[in-house]
Amino acid sequence: MSGDRNEECSDVEQRLRYFLLTRLSDMGFPHDEVRILSDFIYQDLVNYISKGSGKKDAICKAVNGSLSSWLPEWLDYWLLKWRQRVKLNFGSVNEEGTLDPDTQRAVSMIGRRYINKLNKMAMIGLMEEGEICGTSVVSDYVTKSIVQELVAEGGVRNAVDTIKRNPAMVKRMIISKIAELRATDKPLVIVNLQLSQGNGQ
């Protein structure tokens, strides 16, 4: 039985990408736009299906199940959010979002595993509030903004201790930050594109 399951899920990523490419093409998007959009949509769709875990079983279940019935509506809403929340930047990479050295140090001390845990919490919160576009980027921004605020208030060591020892407070800060983002009409994601390659960075 498990062998059949593994075989059934072996090409799930390709099938999911095919779903997206076909749907975008059917909607009349030019080839270049399909190429740019499909990578972003794929990551957000994986996050949405797996609730931020990226687990292949959840993706496989969706692709082999009800995905085709709800994907068109989800994709329409994602494209609406794309137009609202994403700004395309052609040319050089925008460095505006670079973290200050103290925040970078705090993030390093907290550790990638714990940062990923907070990112997942933020990602689920964003999706629950209908923010389904750019979820990987925006959830990482939410987490690191909170670290930055705590560093500004009490220094690096205090920020690290608060993040690790007071999860209830951190969760409240995540909820508050998401509400703040929901209230703004500004783009949340800047996508840098090289004109010669057309790749997002």
N, C-alpha and C. Protein backbone atom coordinates (compact mmCIF):
# COMPACT_ATOMS: atom_id res chain seq x y z
N MET A 1 0.83 -1.22 0.00
CA MET A 1 0.00 0.00 0.00
C MET A 1 0.85 1.25 0.00
N SER A 2 1.92 1.28 0.86
CA SER A 2 2.77 2.46 0.93
C SER A 2 3.52 2.67 -0.37
N GLY A 3 3.87 1.54 -1.07
CA GLY A 3 4.54 1.66 -2.35
C GLY A 3 3.66 2.35 -3.37
N ASP A 4 2.36 1.96 -3.38
CA ASP A 4 1.41 2.61 -4.29
C ASP A 4 1.28 4.09 -3.96
N ARG A 5 1.28 4.41 -2.66
CA ARG A 5 1.15 5.80 -2.22
C ARG A 5 2.35 6.63 -2.68
N ASN A 6 3.55 6.06 -2.53
CA ASN A 6 4.76 6.78 -2.95
C ASN A 6 4.75 7.02 -4.44
N GLU A 7 4.33 6.01 -5.21
CA GLU A 7 4.28 6.16 -6.66
C GLU A 7 3.25 7.21 -7.05
N GLU A 8 2.12 7.21 -6.34
CA GLU A 8 1.03 8.15 -6.61
C GLU A 8 1.47 9.58 -6.38
N CYS A 9 2.37 9.80 -5.42
CA CYS A 9 2.80 11.14 -5.04
C CYS A 9 4.14 11.55 -5.66
N SER A 10 4.76 10.66 -6.42
CA SER A 10 6.12 10.93 -6.90
C SER A 10 6.20 12.14 -7.82
N ASP A 11 5.14 12.37 -8.60
CA ASP A 11 5.18 13.47 -9.55
C ASP A 11 4.24 14.61 -9.15
N VAL A 12 3.93 14.69 -7.85
CA VAL A 12 2.91 15.65 -7.40
C VAL A 12 3.32 17.09 -7.68
N GLU A 13 4.60 17.42 -7.54
CA GLU A 13 5.05 18.79 -7.80
C GLU A 13 4.84 19.16 -9.26
N GLN A 14 5.22 18.26 -10.16
CA GLN A 14 5.04 18.53 -11.59
C GLN A 14 3.57 18.67 -11.95
N ARG A 15 2.74 17.84 -11.34
CA ARG A 15 1.30 17.91 -11.62
C ARG A 15 0.70 19.21 -11.10
N LEU A 16 1.15 19.64 -9.93
CA LEU A 16 0.64 20.89 -9.37
C LEU A 16 1.06 22.07 -10.23
N ARG A 17 2.31 22.07 -10.67
CA ARG A 17 2.77 23.14 -11.56
C ARG A 17 1.99 23.12 -12.88
N TYR A 18 1.70 21.93 -13.36
CA TYR A 18 0.93 21.82 -14.61
C TYR A 18 -0.47 22.39 -14.44
N PHE A 19 -1.11 22.10 -13.31
CA PHE A 19 -2.41 22.68 -13.00
C PHE A 19 -2.35 24.21 -13.14
N LEU A 20 -1.34 24.80 -12.52
CA LEU A 20 -1.22 26.26 -12.50
C LEU A 20 -0.93 26.82 -13.88
N LEU A 21 0.03 26.23 -14.58
CA LEU A 21 0.39 26.72 -15.92
C LEU A 21 -0.80 26.65 -16.86
N THR A 22 -1.54 25.55 -16.79
CA THR A 22 -2.71 25.39 -17.66
C THR A 22 -3.77 26.42 -17.34
N ARG A 23 -4.03 26.62 -16.06
CA ARG A 23 -5.07 27.57 -15.65
C ARG A 23 -4.69 28.99 -16.05
N LEU A 24 -3.43 29.40 -15.82
CA LEU A 24 -2.99 30.75 -16.19
C LEU A 24 -3.06 30.96 -17.70
N SER A 25 -2.66 29.95 -18.45
CA SER A 25 -2.72 30.05 -19.91
C SER A 25 -4.17 30.17 -20.37
N ASP A 26 -5.06 29.39 -19.76
CA ASP A 26 -6.48 29.44 -20.11
C ASP A 26 -7.09 30.81 -19.80
N MET A 27 -6.51 31.50 -18.80
CA MET A 27 -7.02 32.82 -18.42
C MET A 27 -6.50 33.91 -19.35
N GLY A 28 -5.62 33.55 -20.29
CA GLY A 28 -5.17 34.50 -21.30
C GLY A 28 -3.92 35.27 -20.97
N PHE A 29 -3.19 34.86 -19.93
CA PHE A 29 -1.94 35.55 -19.60
C PHE A 29 -0.88 35.24 -20.64
N PRO A 30 -0.08 36.25 -21.05
CA PRO A 30 1.02 36.01 -21.98
C PRO A 30 2.03 35.04 -21.38
N HIS A 31 2.81 34.40 -22.24
CA HIS A 31 3.76 33.38 -21.80
C HIS A 31 4.73 33.91 -20.75
N ASP A 32 5.28 35.12 -20.97
CA ASP A 32 6.26 35.68 -20.03
C ASP A 32 5.63 35.89 -18.65
N GLU A 33 4.38 36.36 -18.63
CA GLU A 33 3.71 36.58 -17.34
C GLU A 33 3.40 35.25 -16.65
N VAL A 34 3.02 34.25 -17.42
CA VAL A 34 2.77 32.93 -16.86
C VAL A 34 4.03 32.41 -16.18
N ARG A 35 5.17 32.60 -16.84
CA ARG A 35 6.45 32.12 -16.30
C ARG A 35 6.78 32.82 -14.98
N ILE A 36 6.54 34.14 -14.91
CA ILE A 36 6.83 34.90 -13.69
C ILE A 36 5.86 34.53 -12.57
N LEU A 37 4.57 34.50 -12.91
CA LEU A 37 3.54 34.27 -11.90
C LEU A 37 3.56 32.86 -11.33
N SER A 38 3.84 31.88 -12.19
CA SER A 38 3.65 30.49 -11.77
C SER A 38 4.52 30.10 -10.59
N ASP A 39 5.76 30.60 -10.54
CA ASP A 39 6.64 30.26 -9.41
C ASP A 39 6.11 30.82 -8.10
N PHE A 40 5.64 32.08 -8.15
CA PHE A 40 5.10 32.71 -6.94
C PHE A 40 3.82 31.99 -6.49
N ILE A 41 2.94 31.72 -7.45
CA ILE A 41 1.69 31.06 -7.11
C ILE A 41 1.94 29.67 -6.55
N TYR A 42 2.88 28.96 -7.17
CA TYR A 42 3.18 27.59 -6.72
C TYR A 42 3.56 27.58 -5.24
N GLN A 43 4.46 28.47 -4.83
CA GLN A 43 4.90 28.49 -3.44
C GLN A 43 3.76 28.84 -2.50
N ASP A 44 2.95 29.82 -2.89
CA ASP A 44 1.81 30.20 -2.04
C ASP A 44 0.77 29.09 -1.97
N LEU A 45 0.56 28.40 -3.08
CA LEU A 45 -0.41 27.30 -3.08
C LEU A 45 0.06 26.14 -2.21
N VAL A 46 1.35 25.83 -2.28
CA VAL A 46 1.91 24.79 -1.41
C VAL A 46 1.75 25.19 0.05
N ASN A 47 2.05 26.45 0.37
CA ASN A 47 1.88 26.94 1.74
C ASN A 47 0.42 26.83 2.19
N TYR A 48 -0.49 27.19 1.29
CA TYR A 48 -1.91 27.17 1.61
C TYR A 48 -2.40 25.74 1.86
N ILE A 49 -2.02 24.83 0.98
CA ILE A 49 -2.47 23.44 1.10
C ILE A 49 -1.92 22.78 2.36
N SER A 50 -0.63 23.04 2.62
CA SER A 50 0.06 22.33 3.72
C SER A 50 0.07 23.12 5.02
N LYS A 51 -0.59 24.29 5.03
CA LYS A 51 -0.60 25.17 6.20
C LYS A 51 0.81 25.51 6.66
N GLY A 52 1.66 25.80 5.69
CA GLY A 52 3.01 26.27 5.98
C GLY A 52 4.03 25.19 6.24
N SER A 53 3.61 23.93 6.25
CA SER A 53 4.55 22.85 6.57
C SER A 53 5.30 22.34 5.35
N GLY A 54 4.71 22.52 4.16
CA GLY A 54 5.33 22.01 2.95
C GLY A 54 5.26 20.50 2.82
N LYS A 55 4.46 19.84 3.66
CA LYS A 55 4.41 18.38 3.67
C LYS A 55 3.82 17.83 2.36
N LYS A 56 4.54 16.89 1.79
CA LYS A 56 4.15 16.35 0.48
C LYS A 56 2.84 15.58 0.54
N ASP A 57 2.56 14.91 1.66
CA ASP A 57 1.32 14.14 1.78
C ASP A 57 0.09 15.02 1.61
N ALA A 58 0.14 16.22 2.23
CA ALA A 58 -0.99 17.14 2.13
C ALA A 58 -1.17 17.62 0.69
N ILE A 59 -0.04 17.89 0.02
CA ILE A 59 -0.09 18.35 -1.36
C ILE A 59 -0.63 17.25 -2.26
N CYS A 60 -0.14 16.03 -2.03
CA CYS A 60 -0.58 14.87 -2.81
C CYS A 60 -2.08 14.65 -2.65
N LYS A 61 -2.56 14.75 -1.42
CA LYS A 61 -3.99 14.54 -1.15
C LYS A 61 -4.84 15.57 -1.90
N ALA A 62 -4.36 16.83 -1.93
CA ALA A 62 -5.11 17.88 -2.61
C ALA A 62 -5.12 17.66 -4.12
N VAL A 63 -3.95 17.36 -4.68
CA VAL A 63 -3.84 17.17 -6.13
C VAL A 63 -4.68 15.99 -6.59
N ASN A 64 -4.71 14.93 -5.80
CA ASN A 64 -5.48 13.74 -6.16
C ASN A 64 -6.94 13.83 -5.72
N GLY A 65 -7.29 14.93 -5.07
CA GLY A 65 -8.64 15.07 -4.55
C GLY A 65 -9.39 16.25 -5.14
N SER A 66 -9.67 17.24 -4.29
CA SER A 66 -10.62 18.30 -4.66
C SER A 66 -9.98 19.55 -5.25
N LEU A 67 -8.67 19.52 -5.49
CA LEU A 67 -7.97 20.74 -5.93
C LEU A 67 -8.64 21.41 -7.13
N SER A 68 -8.97 20.62 -8.14
CA SER A 68 -9.50 21.20 -9.38
C SER A 68 -10.82 21.92 -9.15
N SER A 69 -11.56 21.56 -8.08
CA SER A 69 -12.86 22.19 -7.84
C SER A 69 -12.73 23.57 -7.21
N TRP A 70 -11.68 23.79 -6.39
CA TRP A 70 -11.55 25.10 -5.72
C TRP A 70 -10.39 25.94 -6.24
N LEU A 71 -9.51 25.36 -7.06
CA LEU A 71 -8.36 26.12 -7.55
C LEU A 71 -8.74 27.36 -8.35
N PRO A 72 -9.71 27.31 -9.28
CA PRO A 72 -10.03 28.51 -10.04
C PRO A 72 -10.42 29.70 -9.16
N GLU A 73 -11.27 29.46 -8.16
CA GLU A 73 -11.68 30.55 -7.27
C GLU A 73 -10.50 31.05 -6.43
N TRP A 74 -9.69 30.13 -5.92
CA TRP A 74 -8.51 30.50 -5.13
C TRP A 74 -7.55 31.33 -5.97
N LEU A 75 -7.36 30.91 -7.22
CA LEU A 75 -6.42 31.60 -8.10
C LEU A 75 -6.92 33.00 -8.44
N ASP A 76 -8.21 33.14 -8.67
CA ASP A 76 -8.78 34.48 -8.91
C ASP A 76 -8.51 35.40 -7.73
N TYR A 77 -8.69 34.88 -6.52
CA TYR A 77 -8.46 35.69 -5.32
C TYR A 77 -6.97 35.99 -5.15
N TRP A 78 -6.11 35.01 -5.45
CA TRP A 78 -4.66 35.23 -5.36
C TRP A 78 -4.24 36.34 -6.31
N LEU A 79 -4.76 36.34 -7.53
CA LEU A 79 -4.41 37.37 -8.51
C LEU A 79 -4.89 38.75 -8.06
N LEU A 80 -6.05 38.80 -7.40
CA LEU A 80 -6.52 40.06 -6.82
C LEU A 80 -5.52 40.56 -5.79
N LYS A 81 -5.07 39.66 -4.91
CA LYS A 81 -4.09 40.03 -3.89
C LYS A 81 -2.75 40.39 -4.51
N TRP A 82 -2.37 39.71 -5.57
CA TRP A 82 -1.13 40.03 -6.28
C TRP A 82 -1.15 41.49 -6.75
N ARG A 83 -2.25 41.91 -7.33
CA ARG A 83 -2.36 43.29 -7.82
C ARG A 83 -2.36 44.28 -6.66
N GLN A 84 -2.93 43.89 -5.53
CA GLN A 84 -2.99 44.78 -4.36
C GLN A 84 -1.67 44.86 -3.62
N ARG A 85 -0.99 43.72 -3.50
CA ARG A 85 0.09 43.59 -2.52
C ARG A 85 1.50 43.51 -3.09
N VAL A 86 1.63 43.41 -4.41
CA VAL A 86 2.96 43.21 -5.00
C VAL A 86 3.32 44.37 -5.90
N LYS A 87 4.54 44.86 -5.72
CA LYS A 87 5.10 45.89 -6.58
C LYS A 87 6.27 45.28 -7.34
N LEU A 88 6.25 45.42 -8.67
CA LEU A 88 7.34 44.91 -9.48
C LEU A 88 8.41 45.98 -9.63
N ASN A 89 9.65 45.60 -9.38
CA ASN A 89 10.78 46.52 -9.48
C ASN A 89 11.73 45.99 -10.56
N PHE A 90 11.84 46.72 -11.66
CA PHE A 90 12.69 46.29 -12.76
C PHE A 90 14.07 46.93 -12.63
N GLY A 91 15.11 46.09 -12.69
CA GLY A 91 16.46 46.64 -12.62
C GLY A 91 17.19 46.13 -11.40
N SER A 92 17.84 47.05 -10.67
CA SER A 92 18.69 46.66 -9.55
C SER A 92 17.85 46.20 -8.37
N VAL A 93 18.45 45.39 -7.51
CA VAL A 93 17.76 44.86 -6.34
C VAL A 93 17.56 45.95 -5.31
N ASN A 94 16.36 46.02 -4.76
CA ASN A 94 16.04 47.01 -3.74
C ASN A 94 16.54 46.50 -2.39
N GLU A 95 17.37 47.29 -1.73
CA GLU A 95 17.95 46.87 -0.46
C GLU A 95 17.26 47.49 0.75
N GLU A 96 16.12 48.10 0.52
CA GLU A 96 15.44 48.83 1.59
C GLU A 96 15.11 47.94 2.79
N GLY A 97 14.85 46.66 2.52
CA GLY A 97 14.43 45.78 3.60
C GLY A 97 15.57 45.16 4.39
N THR A 98 16.81 45.58 4.17
CA THR A 98 17.95 44.99 4.87
C THR A 98 17.85 45.25 6.37
N LEU A 99 18.12 44.22 7.17
CA LEU A 99 18.04 44.35 8.62
C LEU A 99 19.26 45.07 9.17
N ASP A 100 19.07 45.78 10.27
CA ASP A 100 20.21 46.41 10.94
C ASP A 100 21.06 45.33 11.61
N PRO A 101 22.34 45.62 11.90
CA PRO A 101 23.25 44.60 12.44
C PRO A 101 22.77 43.95 13.74
N ASP A 102 22.19 44.74 14.66
CA ASP A 102 21.72 44.16 15.92
C ASP A 102 20.58 43.16 15.70
N THR A 103 19.67 43.51 14.80
CA THR A 103 18.57 42.59 14.50
C THR A 103 19.09 41.33 13.82
N GLN A 104 20.04 41.49 12.93
CA GLN A 104 20.65 40.32 12.28
C GLN A 104 21.29 39.41 13.32
N ARG A 105 21.97 40.01 14.29
CA ARG A 105 22.62 39.22 15.34
C ARG A 105 21.58 38.49 16.18
N ALA A 106 20.49 39.19 16.52
CA ALA A 106 19.42 38.55 17.30
C ALA A 106 18.80 37.38 16.54
N VAL A 107 18.54 37.58 15.26
CA VAL A 107 17.97 36.51 14.43
C VAL A 107 18.90 35.30 14.41
N SER A 108 20.20 35.56 14.28
CA SER A 108 21.18 34.48 14.28
C SER A 108 21.20 33.73 15.61
N MET A 109 21.09 34.48 16.72
CA MET A 109 21.09 33.86 18.05
C MET A 109 19.82 33.05 18.30
N ILE A 110 18.70 33.53 17.78
CA ILE A 110 17.44 32.80 17.93
C ILE A 110 17.50 31.46 17.20
N GLY A 111 18.13 31.47 16.04
CA GLY A 111 18.32 30.23 15.29
C GLY A 111 17.29 30.02 14.21
N ARG A 112 17.73 29.43 13.12
CA ARG A 112 16.86 29.24 11.96
C ARG A 112 15.63 28.38 12.28
N ARG A 113 15.81 27.33 13.08
CA ARG A 113 14.67 26.46 13.38
C ARG A 113 13.55 27.21 14.09
N TYR A 114 13.91 28.04 15.07
CA TYR A 114 12.89 28.78 15.82
C TYR A 114 12.28 29.89 14.97
N ILE A 115 13.11 30.53 14.14
CA ILE A 115 12.59 31.55 13.22
C ILE A 115 11.59 30.91 12.26
N ASN A 116 11.90 29.72 11.76
CA ASN A 116 10.97 29.02 10.87
C ASN A 116 9.65 28.70 11.58
N LYS A 117 9.74 28.35 12.86
CA LYS A 117 8.53 28.08 13.64
C LYS A 117 7.65 29.33 13.73
N LEU A 118 8.28 30.47 13.98
CA LEU A 118 7.53 31.73 14.05
C LEU A 118 6.99 32.11 12.68
N ASN A 119 7.78 31.87 11.64
CA ASN A 119 7.31 32.15 10.28
C ASN A 119 6.06 31.34 9.96
N LYS A 120 6.06 30.08 10.37
CA LYS A 120 4.89 29.23 10.11
C LYS A 120 3.67 29.77 10.85
N MET A 121 3.86 30.20 12.09
CA MET A 121 2.76 30.77 12.86
C MET A 121 2.21 32.02 12.17
N ALA A 122 3.13 32.88 11.70
CA ALA A 122 2.73 34.09 10.99
C ALA A 122 2.04 33.76 9.68
N MET A 123 2.56 32.75 8.98
CA MET A 123 1.99 32.36 7.69
C MET A 123 0.55 31.88 7.85
N ILE A 124 0.30 31.06 8.85
CA ILE A 124 -1.06 30.57 9.09
C ILE A 124 -1.98 31.74 9.43
N GLY A 125 -1.49 32.68 10.26
CA GLY A 125 -2.27 33.86 10.60
C GLY A 125 -2.60 34.71 9.39
N LEU A 126 -1.64 34.88 8.50
CA LEU A 126 -1.87 35.65 7.27
C LEU A 126 -2.93 34.98 6.41
N MET A 127 -2.81 33.68 6.21
CA MET A 127 -3.77 32.97 5.36
C MET A 127 -5.17 32.99 5.96
N GLU A 128 -5.25 32.90 7.28
CA GLU A 128 -6.56 32.97 7.94
C GLU A 128 -7.23 34.33 7.74
N GLU A 129 -6.41 35.36 7.52
CA GLU A 129 -6.93 36.71 7.29
C GLU A 129 -7.07 37.03 5.80
N GLY A 130 -6.89 36.01 4.95
CA GLY A 130 -7.08 36.21 3.52
C GLY A 130 -5.88 36.74 2.78
N GLU A 131 -4.74 36.86 3.46
CA GLU A 131 -3.52 37.33 2.80
C GLU A 131 -2.77 36.10 2.27
N ILE A 132 -3.12 35.67 1.07
CA ILE A 132 -2.59 34.41 0.54
C ILE A 132 -1.49 34.62 -0.49
N CYS A 133 -1.13 35.86 -0.75
CA CYS A 133 -0.11 36.16 -1.76
C CYS A 133 1.20 36.55 -1.09
N GLY A 134 2.30 35.93 -1.53
CA GLY A 134 3.61 36.26 -0.97
C GLY A 134 3.77 35.80 0.46
N THR A 135 3.15 34.66 0.81
CA THR A 135 3.10 34.25 2.22
C THR A 135 4.47 33.96 2.82
N SER A 136 5.38 33.39 2.04
CA SER A 136 6.72 33.10 2.58
C SER A 136 7.46 34.38 2.91
N VAL A 137 7.40 35.34 1.99
CA VAL A 137 8.11 36.60 2.17
C VAL A 137 7.49 37.42 3.30
N VAL A 138 6.16 37.52 3.29
CA VAL A 138 5.49 38.38 4.28
C VAL A 138 5.58 37.79 5.68
N SER A 139 5.48 36.48 5.81
CA SER A 139 5.60 35.87 7.14
C SER A 139 7.00 36.08 7.71
N ASP A 140 8.01 35.99 6.86
CA ASP A 140 9.38 36.24 7.31
C ASP A 140 9.54 37.70 7.73
N TYR A 141 8.89 38.60 6.98
CA TYR A 141 8.92 40.02 7.34
C TYR A 141 8.26 40.25 8.70
N VAL A 142 7.12 39.61 8.92
CA VAL A 142 6.42 39.75 10.20
C VAL A 142 7.32 39.33 11.36
N THR A 143 7.92 38.15 11.23
CA THR A 143 8.79 37.63 12.29
C THR A 143 9.96 38.57 12.57
N LYS A 144 10.64 38.98 11.52
CA LYS A 144 11.84 39.79 11.71
C LYS A 144 11.51 41.22 12.14
N SER A 145 10.33 41.70 11.78
CA SER A 145 9.88 43.01 12.28
C SER A 145 9.69 42.96 13.79
N ILE A 146 9.14 41.85 14.27
CA ILE A 146 8.94 41.69 15.71
C ILE A 146 10.28 41.62 16.43
N VAL A 147 11.22 40.86 15.88
CA VAL A 147 12.56 40.81 16.47
C VAL A 147 13.17 42.20 16.50
N GLN A 148 13.02 42.94 15.42
CA GLN A 148 13.57 44.29 15.34
C GLN A 148 12.96 45.21 16.39
N GLU A 149 11.66 45.11 16.59
CA GLU A 149 10.99 45.93 17.60
C GLU A 149 11.50 45.59 19.00
N LEU A 150 11.66 44.31 19.28
CA LEU A 150 12.14 43.89 20.60
C LEU A 150 13.59 44.31 20.82
N VAL A 151 14.40 44.26 19.79
CA VAL A 151 15.79 44.73 19.89
C VAL A 151 15.83 46.22 20.19
N ALA A 152 14.97 46.98 19.49
CA ALA A 152 14.93 48.43 19.71
C ALA A 152 14.48 48.77 21.13
N GLU A 153 13.60 47.95 21.69
CA GLU A 153 13.08 48.21 23.04
C GLU A 153 14.06 47.82 24.14
N GLY A 154 14.74 46.69 23.97
CA GLY A 154 15.54 46.20 25.10
C GLY A 154 16.90 45.62 24.77
N GLY A 155 17.32 45.73 23.51
CA GLY A 155 18.62 45.19 23.14
C GLY A 155 18.55 43.76 22.63
N VAL A 156 19.68 43.29 22.13
CA VAL A 156 19.74 41.99 21.48
C VAL A 156 19.41 40.85 22.44
N ARG A 157 20.09 40.81 23.60
CA ARG A 157 19.91 39.71 24.54
C ARG A 157 18.47 39.63 25.03
N ASN A 158 17.89 40.77 25.36
CA ASN A 158 16.51 40.80 25.83
C ASN A 158 15.55 40.33 24.75
N ALA A 159 15.81 40.72 23.51
CA ALA A 159 14.94 40.30 22.40
C ALA A 159 14.97 38.79 22.23
N VAL A 160 16.16 38.21 22.28
CA VAL A 160 16.31 36.76 22.14
C VAL A 160 15.59 36.03 23.28
N ASP A 161 15.77 36.52 24.51
CA ASP A 161 15.13 35.89 25.67
C ASP A 161 13.61 35.97 25.57
N THR A 162 13.10 37.12 25.15
CA THR A 162 11.65 37.30 25.03
C THR A 162 11.07 36.35 23.99
N ILE A 163 11.72 36.27 22.84
CA ILE A 163 11.25 35.40 21.77
C ILE A 163 11.17 33.95 22.24
N LYS A 164 12.19 33.51 22.96
CA LYS A 164 12.27 32.09 23.33
C LYS A 164 11.49 31.74 24.60
N ARG A 165 11.30 32.73 25.49
CA ARG A 165 10.70 32.41 26.79
C ARG A 165 9.28 32.92 26.97
N ASN A 166 8.80 33.74 26.04
CA ASN A 166 7.47 34.30 26.19
C ASN A 166 6.67 34.12 24.90
N PRO A 167 6.36 32.87 24.54
CA PRO A 167 5.66 32.62 23.27
C PRO A 167 4.28 33.27 23.19
N ALA A 168 3.61 33.42 24.33
CA ALA A 168 2.28 34.04 24.31
C ALA A 168 2.38 35.50 23.87
N MET A 169 3.39 36.20 24.37
CA MET A 169 3.60 37.59 23.99
C MET A 169 3.96 37.69 22.51
N VAL A 170 4.82 36.79 22.05
CA VAL A 170 5.23 36.80 20.65
C VAL A 170 4.02 36.53 19.74
N LYS A 171 3.17 35.60 20.14
CA LYS A 171 1.97 35.32 19.36
C LYS A 171 1.07 36.55 19.27
N ARG A 172 0.93 37.27 20.38
CA ARG A 172 0.12 38.50 20.37
C ARG A 172 0.74 39.53 19.43
N MET A 173 2.06 39.62 19.43
CA MET A 173 2.74 40.57 18.55
C MET A 173 2.56 40.19 17.08
N ILE A 174 2.58 38.89 16.80
CA ILE A 174 2.34 38.43 15.43
C ILE A 174 0.93 38.80 14.98
N ILE A 175 -0.05 38.54 15.83
CA ILE A 175 -1.44 38.88 15.51
C ILE A 175 -1.59 40.38 15.28
N SER A 176 -0.96 41.17 16.13
CA SER A 176 -1.02 42.63 16.01
C SER A 176 -0.37 43.11 14.72
N LYS A 177 0.78 42.52 14.38
CA LYS A 177 1.49 42.92 13.16
C LYS A 177 0.69 42.56 11.92
N ILE A 178 0.05 41.40 11.93
CA ILE A 178 -0.79 41.01 10.79
C ILE A 178 -1.97 41.96 10.64
N ALA A 179 -2.58 42.34 11.76
CA ALA A 179 -3.69 43.30 11.71
C ALA A 179 -3.23 44.64 11.14
N GLU A 180 -2.02 45.03 11.52
CA GLU A 180 -1.44 46.28 11.00
C GLU A 180 -1.24 46.20 9.49
N LEU A 181 -0.74 45.07 9.02
CA LEU A 181 -0.53 44.89 7.58
C LEU A 181 -1.86 44.85 6.83
N ARG A 182 -2.85 44.21 7.43
CA ARG A 182 -4.17 44.14 6.80
C ARG A 182 -4.79 45.51 6.62
N ALA A 183 -4.45 46.42 7.53
CA ALA A 183 -5.06 47.76 7.50
C ALA A 183 -4.41 48.68 6.48
N THR A 184 -3.25 48.30 5.94
CA THR A 184 -2.57 49.16 4.99
C THR A 184 -2.95 48.80 3.57
N ASP A 185 -2.94 49.79 2.69
CA ASP A 185 -3.21 49.52 1.28
C ASP A 185 -1.93 49.55 0.45
N LYS A 186 -0.78 49.58 1.14
CA LYS A 186 0.50 49.60 0.44
C LYS A 186 0.91 48.19 0.04
N PRO A 187 1.76 48.07 -1.00
CA PRO A 187 2.29 46.74 -1.35
C PRO A 187 3.08 46.15 -0.19
N LEU A 188 2.95 44.84 0.01
CA LEU A 188 3.68 44.15 1.06
C LEU A 188 4.92 43.44 0.52
N VAL A 189 4.97 43.23 -0.78
CA VAL A 189 6.07 42.49 -1.40
C VAL A 189 6.60 43.28 -2.59
N ILE A 190 7.91 43.43 -2.65
CA ILE A 190 8.56 44.03 -3.81
C ILE A 190 9.31 42.92 -4.54
N VAL A 191 8.96 42.70 -5.79
CA VAL A 191 9.59 41.66 -6.60
C VAL A 191 10.57 42.32 -7.55
N ASN A 192 11.84 41.97 -7.40
CA ASN A 192 12.88 42.51 -8.26
C ASN A 192 13.06 41.64 -9.49
N LEU A 193 12.94 42.25 -10.66
CA LEU A 193 13.07 41.52 -11.92
C LEU A 193 14.22 42.08 -12.73
N GLN A 194 15.06 41.19 -13.25
CA GLN A 194 16.10 41.59 -14.19
C GLN A 194 15.50 41.54 -15.59
N LEU A 195 15.56 42.65 -16.30
CA LEU A 195 14.93 42.72 -17.60
C LEU A 195 15.51 41.71 -18.58
N SER A 196 16.79 41.40 -18.43
CA SER A 196 17.43 40.49 -19.36
C SER A 196 17.01 39.04 -19.14
N GLN A 197 16.59 38.73 -17.88
CA GLN A 197 16.27 37.36 -17.54
C GLN A 197 14.80 37.17 -17.20
N GLY A 198 14.17 38.23 -16.63
CA GLY A 198 12.78 38.14 -16.23
C GLY A 198 12.55 37.29 -15.01
N ASN A 199 13.57 37.13 -14.16
CA ASN A 199 13.43 36.28 -12.98
C ASN A 199 13.21 37.12 -11.75
N GLY A 200 12.27 36.70 -10.88
CA GLY A 200 12.08 37.37 -9.60
C GLY A 200 13.22 37.03 -8.68
N GLN A 201 13.62 37.97 -7.79
CA GLN A 201 14.69 37.72 -6.84
C GLN A 201 14.22 38.04 -5.45
